[in-house]
Amino acid sequence: MSATRASAPPRKASHVPTKDGFYTYSIEQIDKILEHGKNFRVYNAFDAEAVCEQIERNRGWPDTGASAIVFAGDSLIDGQHRLGGYRLYQQRHPDAEPIMFRTVVIPADNARSIELLIDAGRPRSFADYLRKKGVTARVTVAALVGVDARLAMAKVKNMATAVGYAAEAIRMPEKGEDGKPLHWTKRKHAARRVPLVNLVDRFQRFRKDYEEFTKLIETDLRKTKFRSTLMIGQSIFAISRLADPDMAKLFLKLVATGDGIKTGDPIFKFRELLQADIRAPRTKRHRLHYAALVAKTWNAWINNEPATSRLLWRGYGYNAEDFPVLESGNGEVRR
């Protein structure tokens, strides 16, 4: 059965329209479309249920371009939840009048660029894209690609930018009109959202690098049960991009295992702090704090400096510190 266009006879060649227009879709058509579609967003039954309820309330669906069903060739690339919701509606109201949906058909050659940019409903995620590609440990891979993409987009390439925070996001005290502090607070962290198309482009270009570093994080760092292992892994990956890749991998290995580390080594102090956090459930550190401690530990370790009695970074209050500037081992700052 084919999609039926308003005031036009039904087509028998395909279950997908061949040109723009208003169409209604049967349950059988929707099943075929969803089965063969190339939309990489995860199908969410709750979203489809919400669409069904909206159709029931409105007795129809808005015919605006923003709510269009979009095909690239024979594959659906946007509108799976609208079709899924309409399928539920038909199952619950079999005698209801057919509802027409604005439908857009684009050439199959343009599918990749369009599917990464178009979203009328819930934005599709990069993790969904990685799932569709069969990537393992996709959350970790997505985090590393995000680090790299932010660095590629940033005018100033530093550690704070890499982990998703701008320099002005460091916590500082608020002051009243008389200049006295009101209370300690956290400013909103200026995490920059990276467009999906940029993430996909970086992944396709440097997939081997991401998967290699992900393997180190998953096989070594995750086993430690430290808190915020993903942020620690992201931070060390940023070091591999901004400073020395080989030394960064060694650094990650030593942080994870502690093999051969002596008492006075900065990594020993960092591991000591991480282990203490495991034993103290009430200790709360923001993810940004762990990233700053990674940078401070790296700077001391790469320059062969002895560990201080305690590893500290104060990101708020009168004595607040700037986010640590990453060093390359010879005193040169790489941005």
Protein backbone atom coordinates (compact mmCIF):
# COMPACT_ATOMS: atom_id res chain seq x y z
CA MET A 1 0.00 0.00 0.00
CA SER A 2 1.31 3.43 -0.85
CA ALA A 3 1.13 6.83 0.77
CA THR A 4 -2.09 8.60 -0.25
CA ARG A 5 -1.90 12.22 -1.36
CA ALA A 6 -4.82 14.61 -1.03
CA SER A 7 -6.89 14.69 -4.26
CA ALA A 8 -4.54 12.20 -5.93
CA PRO A 9 -4.88 8.45 -6.51
CA PRO A 10 -2.79 6.19 -4.29
CA ARG A 11 0.54 4.99 -5.62
CA LYS A 12 1.37 1.28 -5.60
CA ALA A 13 5.09 1.31 -6.31
CA SER A 14 6.33 2.28 -2.84
CA HIS A 15 5.28 2.96 0.73
CA VAL A 16 7.16 6.30 0.58
CA PRO A 17 6.00 9.43 -1.33
CA THR A 18 8.14 10.68 -4.21
CA LYS A 19 7.40 14.41 -3.94
CA ASP A 20 6.38 17.06 -1.43
CA GLY A 21 2.76 17.34 -0.39
CA PHE A 22 0.15 16.38 2.19
CA TYR A 23 -0.18 12.65 2.82
CA THR A 24 -1.83 10.27 5.24
CA TYR A 25 -0.18 7.03 6.32
CA SER A 26 -1.73 3.69 7.22
CA ILE A 27 -0.51 1.53 10.09
CA GLU A 28 1.11 -0.87 7.58
CA GLN A 29 2.92 1.96 5.82
CA ILE A 30 4.20 3.39 9.09
CA ASP A 31 5.52 -0.01 10.15
CA LYS A 32 7.47 -0.32 6.90
CA ILE A 33 8.76 3.26 7.07
CA LEU A 34 10.01 2.90 10.64
CA GLU A 35 11.56 -0.50 9.93
CA HIS A 36 13.57 0.71 6.94
CA GLY A 37 14.27 4.28 8.02
CA LYS A 38 17.81 5.52 8.58
CA ASN A 39 16.96 7.92 11.40
CA PHE A 40 19.67 7.31 14.00
CA ARG A 41 17.74 8.82 16.91
CA VAL A 42 16.49 6.21 19.39
CA TYR A 43 12.75 5.63 19.05
CA ASN A 44 11.06 6.68 22.27
CA ALA A 45 7.62 5.24 23.02
CA PHE A 46 6.86 8.08 25.46
CA ASP A 47 7.43 10.67 22.70
CA ALA A 48 5.10 8.74 20.38
CA GLU A 49 2.48 8.60 23.14
CA ALA A 50 2.76 12.39 23.58
CA VAL A 51 2.16 12.88 19.84
CA CYS A 52 -0.89 10.62 20.00
CA GLU A 53 -2.33 12.62 22.88
CA GLN A 54 -1.71 15.87 21.01
CA ILE A 55 -3.54 14.54 17.95
CA GLU A 56 -6.45 13.48 20.17
CA ARG A 57 -6.65 16.93 21.78
CA ASN A 58 -6.40 18.85 18.50
CA ARG A 59 -8.17 16.30 16.30
CA GLY A 60 -5.40 16.72 13.82
CA TRP A 61 -1.80 17.79 13.39
CA PRO A 62 -0.50 21.29 12.53
CA ASP A 63 0.41 21.61 8.86
CA THR A 64 3.40 23.89 9.42
CA GLY A 65 6.76 23.18 7.82
CA ALA A 66 8.31 22.77 11.28
CA SER A 67 6.23 19.63 11.84
CA ALA A 68 6.89 17.98 8.48
CA ILE A 69 7.66 14.33 7.84
CA VAL A 70 10.99 14.31 5.99
CA PHE A 71 12.25 11.58 3.67
CA ALA A 72 15.59 11.29 1.88
CA GLY A 73 14.90 9.00 -1.04
CA ASP A 74 13.11 6.00 0.45
CA SER A 75 14.33 6.55 4.03
CA LEU A 76 12.73 8.55 6.84
CA ILE A 77 15.15 10.98 8.44
CA ASP A 78 12.79 13.07 10.58
CA GLY A 79 9.30 12.51 11.95
CA GLN A 80 9.51 9.00 13.38
CA HIS A 81 7.72 9.97 16.60
CA ARG A 82 4.98 11.81 14.70
CA LEU A 83 4.36 8.72 12.61
CA GLY A 84 4.60 6.48 15.66
CA GLY A 85 2.08 8.66 17.49
CA TYR A 86 -0.27 8.59 14.51
CA ARG A 87 -0.01 4.80 14.41
CA LEU A 88 -1.16 4.69 18.05
CA TYR A 89 -3.97 7.11 17.23
CA GLN A 90 -5.24 4.89 14.42
CA GLN A 91 -5.09 1.81 16.65
CA ARG A 92 -7.19 3.57 19.30
CA HIS A 93 -9.55 5.32 16.89
CA PRO A 94 -9.94 3.02 13.88
CA ASP A 95 -13.01 4.89 12.58
CA ALA A 96 -11.46 8.37 12.77
CA GLU A 97 -10.98 10.51 9.67
CA PRO A 98 -7.46 10.23 8.12
CA ILE A 99 -5.07 12.98 9.16
CA MET A 100 -2.87 14.62 6.54
CA PHE A 101 0.80 15.34 7.32
CA ARG A 102 2.96 17.82 5.47
CA THR A 103 5.66 15.69 3.85
CA VAL A 104 8.99 16.78 2.39
CA VAL A 105 11.06 14.55 0.10
CA ILE A 106 14.71 15.43 -0.57
CA PRO A 107 17.30 13.71 -2.76
CA ALA A 108 19.00 10.77 -1.07
CA ASP A 109 22.40 12.37 -1.74
CA ASN A 110 21.56 15.19 0.69
CA ALA A 111 20.50 12.89 3.52
CA ARG A 112 23.68 13.13 5.60
CA SER A 113 23.82 16.93 5.76
CA ILE A 114 20.09 17.28 6.38
CA GLU A 115 19.69 14.62 9.06
CA LEU A 116 22.39 16.22 11.21
CA LEU A 117 20.79 19.65 11.13
CA ILE A 118 17.04 19.08 11.06
CA ASP A 119 15.07 18.61 14.26
CA ALA A 120 11.49 19.66 14.81
CA GLY A 121 11.14 17.78 18.08
CA ARG A 122 13.57 16.37 20.63
CA PRO A 123 17.14 17.00 19.42
CA ARG A 124 18.98 13.88 18.38
CA SER A 125 22.17 13.19 20.26
CA PHE A 126 25.67 12.27 19.19
CA ALA A 127 25.44 9.16 21.39
CA ASP A 128 22.45 8.05 19.28
CA TYR A 129 24.56 8.47 16.15
CA LEU A 130 27.36 6.36 17.68
CA ARG A 131 24.86 3.69 18.69
CA LYS A 132 23.61 3.50 15.10
CA LYS A 133 27.21 3.06 13.96
CA GLY A 134 27.76 0.20 16.41
CA VAL A 135 30.38 2.02 18.49
CA THR A 136 31.08 0.46 21.90
CA ALA A 137 31.48 2.63 25.03
CA ARG A 138 29.73 5.37 23.08
CA VAL A 139 29.28 7.68 26.09
CA THR A 140 33.05 7.80 26.60
CA VAL A 141 33.72 8.22 22.88
CA ALA A 142 31.17 11.06 22.72
CA ALA A 143 32.86 12.80 25.66
CA LEU A 144 36.27 12.65 23.97
CA VAL A 145 34.93 13.87 20.65
CA GLY A 146 33.30 16.76 22.53
CA VAL A 147 36.69 17.74 23.98
CA ASP A 148 38.27 17.72 20.55
CA ALA A 149 35.43 19.58 18.87
CA ARG A 150 35.45 22.35 21.50
CA LEU A 151 39.18 22.77 21.05
CA ALA A 152 38.77 22.95 17.28
CA MET A 153 36.09 25.64 17.62
CA ALA A 154 37.79 27.70 20.34
CA LYS A 155 39.85 30.80 19.65
CA VAL A 156 41.82 30.23 22.87
CA LYS A 157 42.73 26.57 23.21
CA ASN A 158 43.25 25.68 26.86
CA MET A 159 42.28 23.09 29.41
CA ALA A 160 39.15 24.89 30.61
CA THR A 161 37.86 25.20 27.04
CA ALA A 162 38.56 21.53 26.38
CA VAL A 163 36.43 20.25 29.26
CA GLY A 164 33.58 22.57 28.33
CA TYR A 165 33.95 25.59 30.57
CA ALA A 166 34.88 29.18 29.86
CA ALA A 167 37.34 31.00 32.09
CA GLU A 168 34.59 33.19 33.54
CA ALA A 169 32.72 30.10 34.79
CA ILE A 170 35.06 29.70 37.78
CA ARG A 171 33.11 30.11 41.03
CA MET A 172 33.43 33.51 42.65
CA PRO A 173 31.57 35.34 45.46
CA GLU A 174 28.63 37.58 44.65
CA LYS A 175 28.75 41.07 46.18
CA GLY A 176 26.05 43.52 47.13
CA GLU A 177 25.92 47.23 46.39
CA ASP A 178 28.05 47.96 49.44
CA GLY A 179 30.81 45.70 48.09
CA LYS A 180 30.39 43.09 50.81
CA PRO A 181 29.90 39.44 49.83
CA LEU A 182 26.30 38.28 49.86
CA HIS A 183 27.00 34.54 49.78
CA TRP A 184 29.17 32.02 48.01
CA THR A 185 27.62 30.81 44.81
CA LYS A 186 28.34 29.06 41.56
CA ARG A 187 27.99 30.96 38.34
CA LYS A 188 26.37 29.12 35.52
CA HIS A 189 29.03 27.06 33.82
CA ALA A 190 29.47 28.31 30.29
CA ALA A 191 29.48 24.89 28.65
CA ARG A 192 29.40 25.47 24.91
CA ARG A 193 27.09 23.22 22.93
CA VAL A 194 28.83 21.77 19.90
CA PRO A 195 26.68 21.34 16.76
CA LEU A 196 26.01 17.71 15.93
CA VAL A 197 27.48 18.08 12.45
CA ASN A 198 30.81 19.18 13.96
CA LEU A 199 30.89 16.17 16.27
CA VAL A 200 30.20 13.75 13.43
CA ASP A 201 32.89 15.35 11.29
CA ARG A 202 35.52 15.09 14.06
CA PHE A 203 34.57 11.48 14.77
CA GLN A 204 34.88 10.45 11.14
CA ARG A 205 38.27 12.13 10.80
CA PHE A 206 39.88 10.90 14.03
CA ARG A 207 37.88 7.82 14.96
CA LYS A 208 40.98 5.68 15.57
CA ASP A 209 42.39 8.18 18.09
CA TYR A 210 39.14 8.37 20.05
CA GLU A 211 38.63 4.62 20.19
CA GLU A 212 42.24 4.02 21.22
CA PHE A 213 42.00 6.46 24.13
CA THR A 214 38.55 5.18 25.07
CA LYS A 215 40.01 1.70 25.43
CA LEU A 216 42.57 3.03 27.93
CA ILE A 217 39.84 4.73 29.96
CA GLU A 218 37.52 1.72 29.95
CA THR A 219 40.18 -0.91 30.71
CA ASP A 220 42.24 1.02 33.28
CA LEU A 221 40.51 4.07 34.72
CA ARG A 222 36.97 2.72 35.05
CA LYS A 223 38.18 -0.21 37.18
CA THR A 224 39.45 2.10 39.92
CA LYS A 225 35.93 3.14 41.03
CA PHE A 226 37.18 6.72 41.39
CA ARG A 227 34.56 9.42 41.17
CA SER A 228 34.15 11.36 37.92
CA THR A 229 36.33 8.92 35.98
CA LEU A 230 34.84 10.24 32.74
CA MET A 231 35.86 13.83 33.54
CA ILE A 232 39.32 12.64 34.58
CA GLY A 233 39.60 10.73 31.31
CA GLN A 234 38.36 13.73 29.30
CA SER A 235 40.88 15.97 31.02
CA ILE A 236 43.81 13.65 30.29
CA PHE A 237 42.63 13.34 26.69
CA ALA A 238 42.70 17.15 26.50
CA ILE A 239 46.32 16.96 27.71
CA SER A 240 47.07 14.55 24.86
CA ARG A 241 45.73 17.14 22.41
CA LEU A 242 47.32 20.22 24.00
CA ALA A 243 50.65 18.84 25.21
CA ASP A 244 52.31 15.43 24.71
CA PRO A 245 50.13 12.52 23.48
CA ASP A 246 52.51 9.72 24.53
CA MET A 247 53.20 11.19 27.97
CA ALA A 248 49.46 11.77 28.45
CA LYS A 249 48.79 8.06 27.89
CA LEU A 250 51.50 7.17 30.40
CA PHE A 251 50.03 9.70 32.82
CA LEU A 252 46.58 8.10 32.53
CA LYS A 253 48.09 4.64 33.10
CA LEU A 254 49.87 5.78 36.25
CA VAL A 255 46.82 7.58 37.63
CA ALA A 256 44.75 4.43 37.07
CA THR A 257 47.19 1.83 38.39
CA GLY A 258 49.73 3.66 40.56
CA ASP A 259 52.44 1.26 39.34
CA GLY A 260 55.90 2.38 40.48
CA ILE A 261 54.64 5.64 41.98
CA LYS A 262 56.52 6.80 45.07
CA THR A 263 55.15 8.71 48.05
CA GLY A 264 56.49 12.10 46.97
CA ASP A 265 55.13 11.86 43.43
CA PRO A 266 52.29 14.26 42.49
CA ILE A 267 50.34 11.32 41.04
CA PHE A 268 50.58 9.57 44.42
CA LYS A 269 48.94 12.59 46.07
CA PHE A 270 46.25 12.75 43.40
CA ARG A 271 45.43 9.06 43.78
CA GLU A 272 45.41 9.50 47.54
CA LEU A 273 42.79 12.25 47.19
CA LEU A 274 40.67 10.15 44.81
CA GLN A 275 40.78 7.17 47.14
CA ALA A 276 39.84 9.38 50.10
CA ASP A 277 36.81 10.62 48.17
CA ILE A 278 35.65 7.02 47.72
CA ARG A 279 35.84 6.47 51.48
CA ALA A 280 33.99 9.72 52.24
CA PRO A 281 30.57 9.61 50.52
CA ARG A 282 29.65 13.06 51.85
CA THR A 283 32.58 14.72 50.13
CA LYS A 284 31.21 16.60 47.15
CA ARG A 285 33.46 17.93 44.40
CA HIS A 286 32.23 19.44 41.18
CA ARG A 287 33.43 17.77 37.98
CA LEU A 288 35.32 20.96 37.11
CA HIS A 289 37.28 20.55 40.36
CA TYR A 290 38.55 17.15 39.25
CA ALA A 291 39.60 18.58 35.88
CA ALA A 292 41.57 21.33 37.63
CA LEU A 293 43.28 18.78 39.88
CA VAL A 294 44.25 16.72 36.84
CA ALA A 295 45.88 19.81 35.31
CA LYS A 296 47.75 20.69 38.53
CA THR A 297 48.96 17.10 38.93
CA TRP A 298 50.12 16.99 35.33
CA ASN A 299 52.03 20.27 35.62
CA ALA A 300 53.91 19.07 38.69
CA TRP A 301 54.54 15.59 37.29
CA ILE A 302 55.75 16.64 33.82
CA ASN A 303 58.15 19.17 35.38
CA ASN A 304 59.48 16.67 37.95
CA GLU A 305 58.31 18.82 40.84
CA PRO A 306 57.79 17.18 44.25
CA ALA A 307 54.27 16.85 45.57
CA THR A 308 53.06 19.35 48.12
CA SER A 309 51.62 18.14 51.40
CA ARG A 310 48.09 18.42 49.98
CA LEU A 311 46.78 18.71 46.46
CA LEU A 312 44.42 21.68 46.38
CA TRP A 313 42.57 23.89 43.96
CA ARG A 314 40.36 26.66 45.28
CA GLY A 315 37.85 27.73 42.67
CA TYR A 316 35.78 30.08 44.80
CA GLY A 317 36.05 32.59 47.62
CA TYR A 318 38.45 35.49 48.21
CA ASN A 319 41.47 33.30 47.42
CA ALA A 320 39.96 31.75 44.30
CA GLU A 321 42.46 30.52 41.74
CA ASP A 322 42.21 30.70 37.98
CA PHE A 323 41.83 27.40 36.19
CA PRO A 324 45.33 25.85 35.95
CA VAL A 325 47.23 26.62 32.75
CA LEU A 326 48.51 23.45 31.15
CA GLU A 327 52.28 23.13 30.72
CA SER A 328 54.11 21.02 28.17
CA GLY A 329 57.08 20.01 30.31
CA ASN A 330 59.56 22.69 29.27
CA GLY A 331 57.80 25.69 30.75
CA GLU A 332 56.05 26.46 27.46
CA VAL A 333 52.30 26.89 27.57
CA ARG A 334 50.52 25.28 24.66
CA ARG A 335 47.19 26.87 23.80
